[in-house]
Amino acid sequence: MQATMALVTAAATDANLRSLAARWTDRLTDLLAAHVGPERAQVAELYLDGAMMHAALHDEPLTREAVTRALRAILAMPETGGR
């Protein structure tokens, strides 16, 4: 988690690292999409990015139950086909 946060933080100000950081998140989205569809995969990846940021900034981590509830809700979302 710390390595990913370091990469994303550095990529925010270094264009040379931006494509590497984007590839990292895009690949996670692609892996998830194969199982849950593209929209849910993108939302899940965005949630995980936020959860990672939360973990980096707070002394108390999110509970496993909180993460599980959020991901279950995301994965239960209907695919809209981009509408």
N, C-alpha and C. Protein backbone atom coordinates (compact mmCIF):
# COMPACT_ATOMS: atom_id res chain seq x y z
N MET A 1 0.83 -1.18 0.00
CA MET A 1 0.00 0.00 0.00
C MET A 1 0.87 1.24 0.00
N GLN A 2 1.94 1.25 0.77
CA GLN A 2 2.80 2.43 0.83
C GLN A 2 3.49 2.69 -0.50
N ALA A 3 3.89 1.63 -1.20
CA ALA A 3 4.54 1.81 -2.50
C ALA A 3 3.56 2.39 -3.51
N THR A 4 2.33 1.92 -3.48
CA THR A 4 1.32 2.45 -4.40
C THR A 4 1.03 3.91 -4.10
N MET A 5 0.90 4.26 -2.82
CA MET A 5 0.67 5.66 -2.44
C MET A 5 1.83 6.53 -2.88
N ALA A 6 3.06 6.04 -2.69
CA ALA A 6 4.23 6.81 -3.11
C ALA A 6 4.22 7.03 -4.62
N LEU A 7 3.88 6.00 -5.37
CA LEU A 7 3.83 6.12 -6.82
C LEU A 7 2.77 7.13 -7.25
N VAL A 8 1.58 7.01 -6.70
CA VAL A 8 0.49 7.91 -7.08
C VAL A 8 0.80 9.35 -6.68
N THR A 9 1.35 9.54 -5.51
CA THR A 9 1.71 10.88 -5.05
C THR A 9 2.76 11.50 -5.96
N ALA A 10 3.78 10.74 -6.29
CA ALA A 10 4.83 11.24 -7.19
C ALA A 10 4.28 11.50 -8.58
N ALA A 11 3.38 10.64 -9.05
CA ALA A 11 2.82 10.79 -10.39
C ALA A 11 1.96 12.04 -10.52
N ALA A 12 1.42 12.51 -9.41
CA ALA A 12 0.60 13.71 -9.45
C ALA A 12 1.40 14.93 -9.90
N THR A 13 2.70 14.90 -9.68
CA THR A 13 3.54 16.05 -10.05
C THR A 13 4.63 15.71 -11.06
N ASP A 14 4.76 14.44 -11.43
CA ASP A 14 5.81 14.02 -12.36
C ASP A 14 5.16 13.28 -13.53
N ALA A 15 5.12 13.95 -14.68
CA ALA A 15 4.46 13.37 -15.85
C ALA A 15 5.11 12.06 -16.28
N ASN A 16 6.38 11.89 -16.01
CA ASN A 16 7.06 10.64 -16.38
C ASN A 16 6.52 9.44 -15.60
N LEU A 17 6.05 9.67 -14.40
CA LEU A 17 5.50 8.59 -13.58
C LEU A 17 3.99 8.41 -13.77
N ARG A 18 3.36 9.42 -14.35
CA ARG A 18 1.90 9.39 -14.48
C ARG A 18 1.42 8.19 -15.29
N SER A 19 2.11 7.89 -16.39
CA SER A 19 1.66 6.77 -17.22
C SER A 19 1.84 5.44 -16.48
N LEU A 20 2.90 5.32 -15.68
CA LEU A 20 3.10 4.10 -14.90
C LEU A 20 1.98 3.94 -13.87
N ALA A 21 1.66 5.01 -13.17
CA ALA A 21 0.59 4.95 -12.17
C ALA A 21 -0.75 4.66 -12.83
N ALA A 22 -1.00 5.26 -13.99
CA ALA A 22 -2.25 5.01 -14.70
C ALA A 22 -2.33 3.56 -15.16
N ARG A 23 -1.22 3.02 -15.64
CA ARG A 23 -1.21 1.62 -16.06
C ARG A 23 -1.54 0.70 -14.88
N TRP A 24 -1.01 1.04 -13.71
CA TRP A 24 -1.26 0.23 -12.51
C TRP A 24 -2.77 0.16 -12.23
N THR A 25 -3.42 1.32 -12.19
CA THR A 25 -4.85 1.33 -11.88
C THR A 25 -5.67 0.77 -13.04
N ASP A 26 -5.26 1.04 -14.27
CA ASP A 26 -5.98 0.51 -15.43
C ASP A 26 -5.92 -1.02 -15.46
N ARG A 27 -4.80 -1.58 -15.11
CA ARG A 27 -4.68 -3.05 -15.11
C ARG A 27 -5.56 -3.67 -14.03
N LEU A 28 -5.61 -3.02 -12.86
CA LEU A 28 -6.51 -3.53 -11.81
C LEU A 28 -7.95 -3.48 -12.31
N THR A 29 -8.33 -2.37 -12.94
CA THR A 29 -9.68 -2.25 -13.47
C THR A 29 -9.95 -3.34 -14.50
N ASP A 30 -9.00 -3.58 -15.39
CA ASP A 30 -9.16 -4.63 -16.41
C ASP A 30 -9.32 -6.01 -15.78
N LEU A 31 -8.50 -6.29 -14.77
CA LEU A 31 -8.61 -7.59 -14.08
C LEU A 31 -9.98 -7.75 -13.44
N LEU A 32 -10.45 -6.71 -12.78
CA LEU A 32 -11.77 -6.77 -12.14
C LEU A 32 -12.88 -6.87 -13.18
N ALA A 33 -12.74 -6.14 -14.28
CA ALA A 33 -13.78 -6.10 -15.32
C ALA A 33 -14.06 -7.48 -15.90
N ALA A 34 -13.05 -8.30 -15.97
CA ALA A 34 -13.23 -9.65 -16.50
C ALA A 34 -14.19 -10.46 -15.63
N HIS A 35 -14.36 -10.04 -14.39
CA HIS A 35 -15.20 -10.79 -13.45
C HIS A 35 -16.51 -10.09 -13.10
N VAL A 36 -16.49 -8.74 -13.10
CA VAL A 36 -17.67 -8.02 -12.60
C VAL A 36 -18.22 -6.99 -13.59
N GLY A 37 -17.62 -6.88 -14.77
CA GLY A 37 -18.06 -5.89 -15.76
C GLY A 37 -17.29 -4.60 -15.62
N PRO A 38 -17.23 -3.82 -16.71
CA PRO A 38 -16.38 -2.63 -16.73
C PRO A 38 -16.81 -1.51 -15.79
N GLU A 39 -18.11 -1.26 -15.68
CA GLU A 39 -18.55 -0.15 -14.82
C GLU A 39 -18.30 -0.45 -13.35
N ARG A 40 -18.70 -1.62 -12.92
CA ARG A 40 -18.47 -1.99 -11.52
C ARG A 40 -16.98 -2.05 -11.23
N ALA A 41 -16.19 -2.52 -12.18
CA ALA A 41 -14.74 -2.59 -11.98
C ALA A 41 -14.16 -1.20 -11.78
N GLN A 42 -14.60 -0.24 -12.58
CA GLN A 42 -14.07 1.12 -12.45
C GLN A 42 -14.47 1.73 -11.10
N VAL A 43 -15.72 1.54 -10.71
CA VAL A 43 -16.17 2.09 -9.42
C VAL A 43 -15.44 1.41 -8.26
N ALA A 44 -15.26 0.10 -8.34
CA ALA A 44 -14.53 -0.62 -7.29
C ALA A 44 -13.10 -0.12 -7.20
N GLU A 45 -12.46 0.09 -8.33
CA GLU A 45 -11.07 0.58 -8.33
C GLU A 45 -11.01 1.98 -7.73
N LEU A 46 -11.96 2.82 -8.07
CA LEU A 46 -12.00 4.17 -7.49
C LEU A 46 -12.20 4.11 -5.98
N TYR A 47 -13.09 3.24 -5.53
CA TYR A 47 -13.30 3.07 -4.10
C TYR A 47 -12.01 2.60 -3.42
N LEU A 48 -11.34 1.62 -4.02
CA LEU A 48 -10.10 1.11 -3.42
C LEU A 48 -9.03 2.20 -3.36
N ASP A 49 -8.97 3.06 -4.38
CA ASP A 49 -8.04 4.19 -4.33
C ASP A 49 -8.35 5.08 -3.12
N GLY A 50 -9.62 5.37 -2.93
CA GLY A 50 -10.02 6.20 -1.79
C GLY A 50 -9.75 5.53 -0.46
N ALA A 51 -10.01 4.23 -0.39
CA ALA A 51 -9.74 3.48 0.84
C ALA A 51 -8.25 3.48 1.15
N MET A 52 -7.44 3.38 0.10
CA MET A 52 -5.99 3.40 0.29
C MET A 52 -5.55 4.78 0.80
N MET A 53 -6.12 5.84 0.24
CA MET A 53 -5.80 7.19 0.70
C MET A 53 -6.22 7.35 2.16
N HIS A 54 -7.39 6.85 2.51
CA HIS A 54 -7.86 6.91 3.90
C HIS A 54 -6.88 6.20 4.82
N ALA A 55 -6.45 5.01 4.42
CA ALA A 55 -5.51 4.23 5.24
C ALA A 55 -4.20 4.97 5.43
N ALA A 56 -3.77 5.69 4.40
CA ALA A 56 -2.50 6.41 4.49
C ALA A 56 -2.60 7.62 5.43
N LEU A 57 -3.79 8.18 5.56
CA LEU A 57 -3.95 9.42 6.32
C LEU A 57 -4.46 9.23 7.75
N HIS A 58 -5.02 8.07 8.05
CA HIS A 58 -5.63 7.86 9.36
C HIS A 58 -4.91 6.77 10.14
N ASP A 59 -4.86 6.96 11.45
CA ASP A 59 -4.24 5.96 12.31
C ASP A 59 -5.09 4.70 12.40
N GLU A 60 -6.40 4.86 12.37
CA GLU A 60 -7.31 3.72 12.45
C GLU A 60 -7.68 3.29 11.03
N PRO A 61 -7.38 2.07 10.68
CA PRO A 61 -7.73 1.61 9.33
C PRO A 61 -9.23 1.36 9.21
N LEU A 62 -9.71 1.35 7.99
CA LEU A 62 -11.08 0.92 7.75
C LEU A 62 -11.20 -0.53 8.19
N THR A 63 -12.33 -0.87 8.72
CA THR A 63 -12.50 -2.26 9.13
C THR A 63 -12.73 -3.14 7.90
N ARG A 64 -12.41 -4.40 8.05
CA ARG A 64 -12.66 -5.36 6.97
C ARG A 64 -14.15 -5.36 6.63
N GLU A 65 -14.99 -5.24 7.66
CA GLU A 65 -16.43 -5.24 7.45
C GLU A 65 -16.87 -4.04 6.63
N ALA A 66 -16.31 -2.87 6.91
CA ALA A 66 -16.67 -1.66 6.15
C ALA A 66 -16.27 -1.79 4.68
N VAL A 67 -15.08 -2.29 4.44
CA VAL A 67 -14.61 -2.47 3.07
C VAL A 67 -15.47 -3.52 2.36
N THR A 68 -15.77 -4.60 3.05
CA THR A 68 -16.59 -5.66 2.47
C THR A 68 -17.98 -5.14 2.11
N ARG A 69 -18.61 -4.39 3.02
CA ARG A 69 -19.95 -3.83 2.75
C ARG A 69 -19.92 -2.92 1.53
N ALA A 70 -18.92 -2.05 1.47
CA ALA A 70 -18.82 -1.12 0.34
C ALA A 70 -18.62 -1.86 -0.98
N LEU A 71 -17.71 -2.83 -0.98
CA LEU A 71 -17.46 -3.57 -2.22
C LEU A 71 -18.67 -4.41 -2.62
N ARG A 72 -19.36 -4.98 -1.66
CA ARG A 72 -20.58 -5.74 -2.00
C ARG A 72 -21.62 -4.84 -2.64
N ALA A 73 -21.77 -3.63 -2.09
CA ALA A 73 -22.73 -2.68 -2.67
C ALA A 73 -22.31 -2.29 -4.08
N ILE A 74 -21.03 -2.03 -4.27
CA ILE A 74 -20.53 -1.66 -5.60
C ILE A 74 -20.76 -2.80 -6.59
N LEU A 75 -20.43 -4.01 -6.18
CA LEU A 75 -20.54 -5.15 -7.08
C LEU A 75 -21.99 -5.54 -7.36
N ALA A 76 -22.92 -5.07 -6.54
CA ALA A 76 -24.34 -5.33 -6.76
C ALA A 76 -24.98 -4.29 -7.68
N MET A 77 -24.25 -3.23 -8.00
CA MET A 77 -24.79 -2.19 -8.87
C MET A 77 -25.10 -2.77 -10.25
N PRO A 78 -26.18 -2.31 -10.86
CA PRO A 78 -26.44 -2.78 -12.23
C PRO A 78 -25.51 -2.09 -13.21
N GLU A 79 -25.11 -2.81 -14.24
CA GLU A 79 -24.36 -2.19 -15.34
C GLU A 79 -25.36 -1.37 -16.15
N THR A 80 -25.00 -0.15 -16.48
CA THR A 80 -25.91 0.73 -17.23
C THR A 80 -25.55 0.81 -18.70
N GLY A 81 -24.43 0.22 -19.08
CA GLY A 81 -23.99 0.31 -20.47
C GLY A 81 -23.52 1.71 -20.83
N GLY A 82 -23.06 2.45 -19.82
CA GLY A 82 -22.54 3.80 -20.07
C GLY A 82 -23.62 4.87 -20.15
N ARG A 83 -24.85 4.51 -19.81
CA ARG A 83 -25.93 5.50 -19.87
C ARG A 83 -26.04 6.25 -18.59
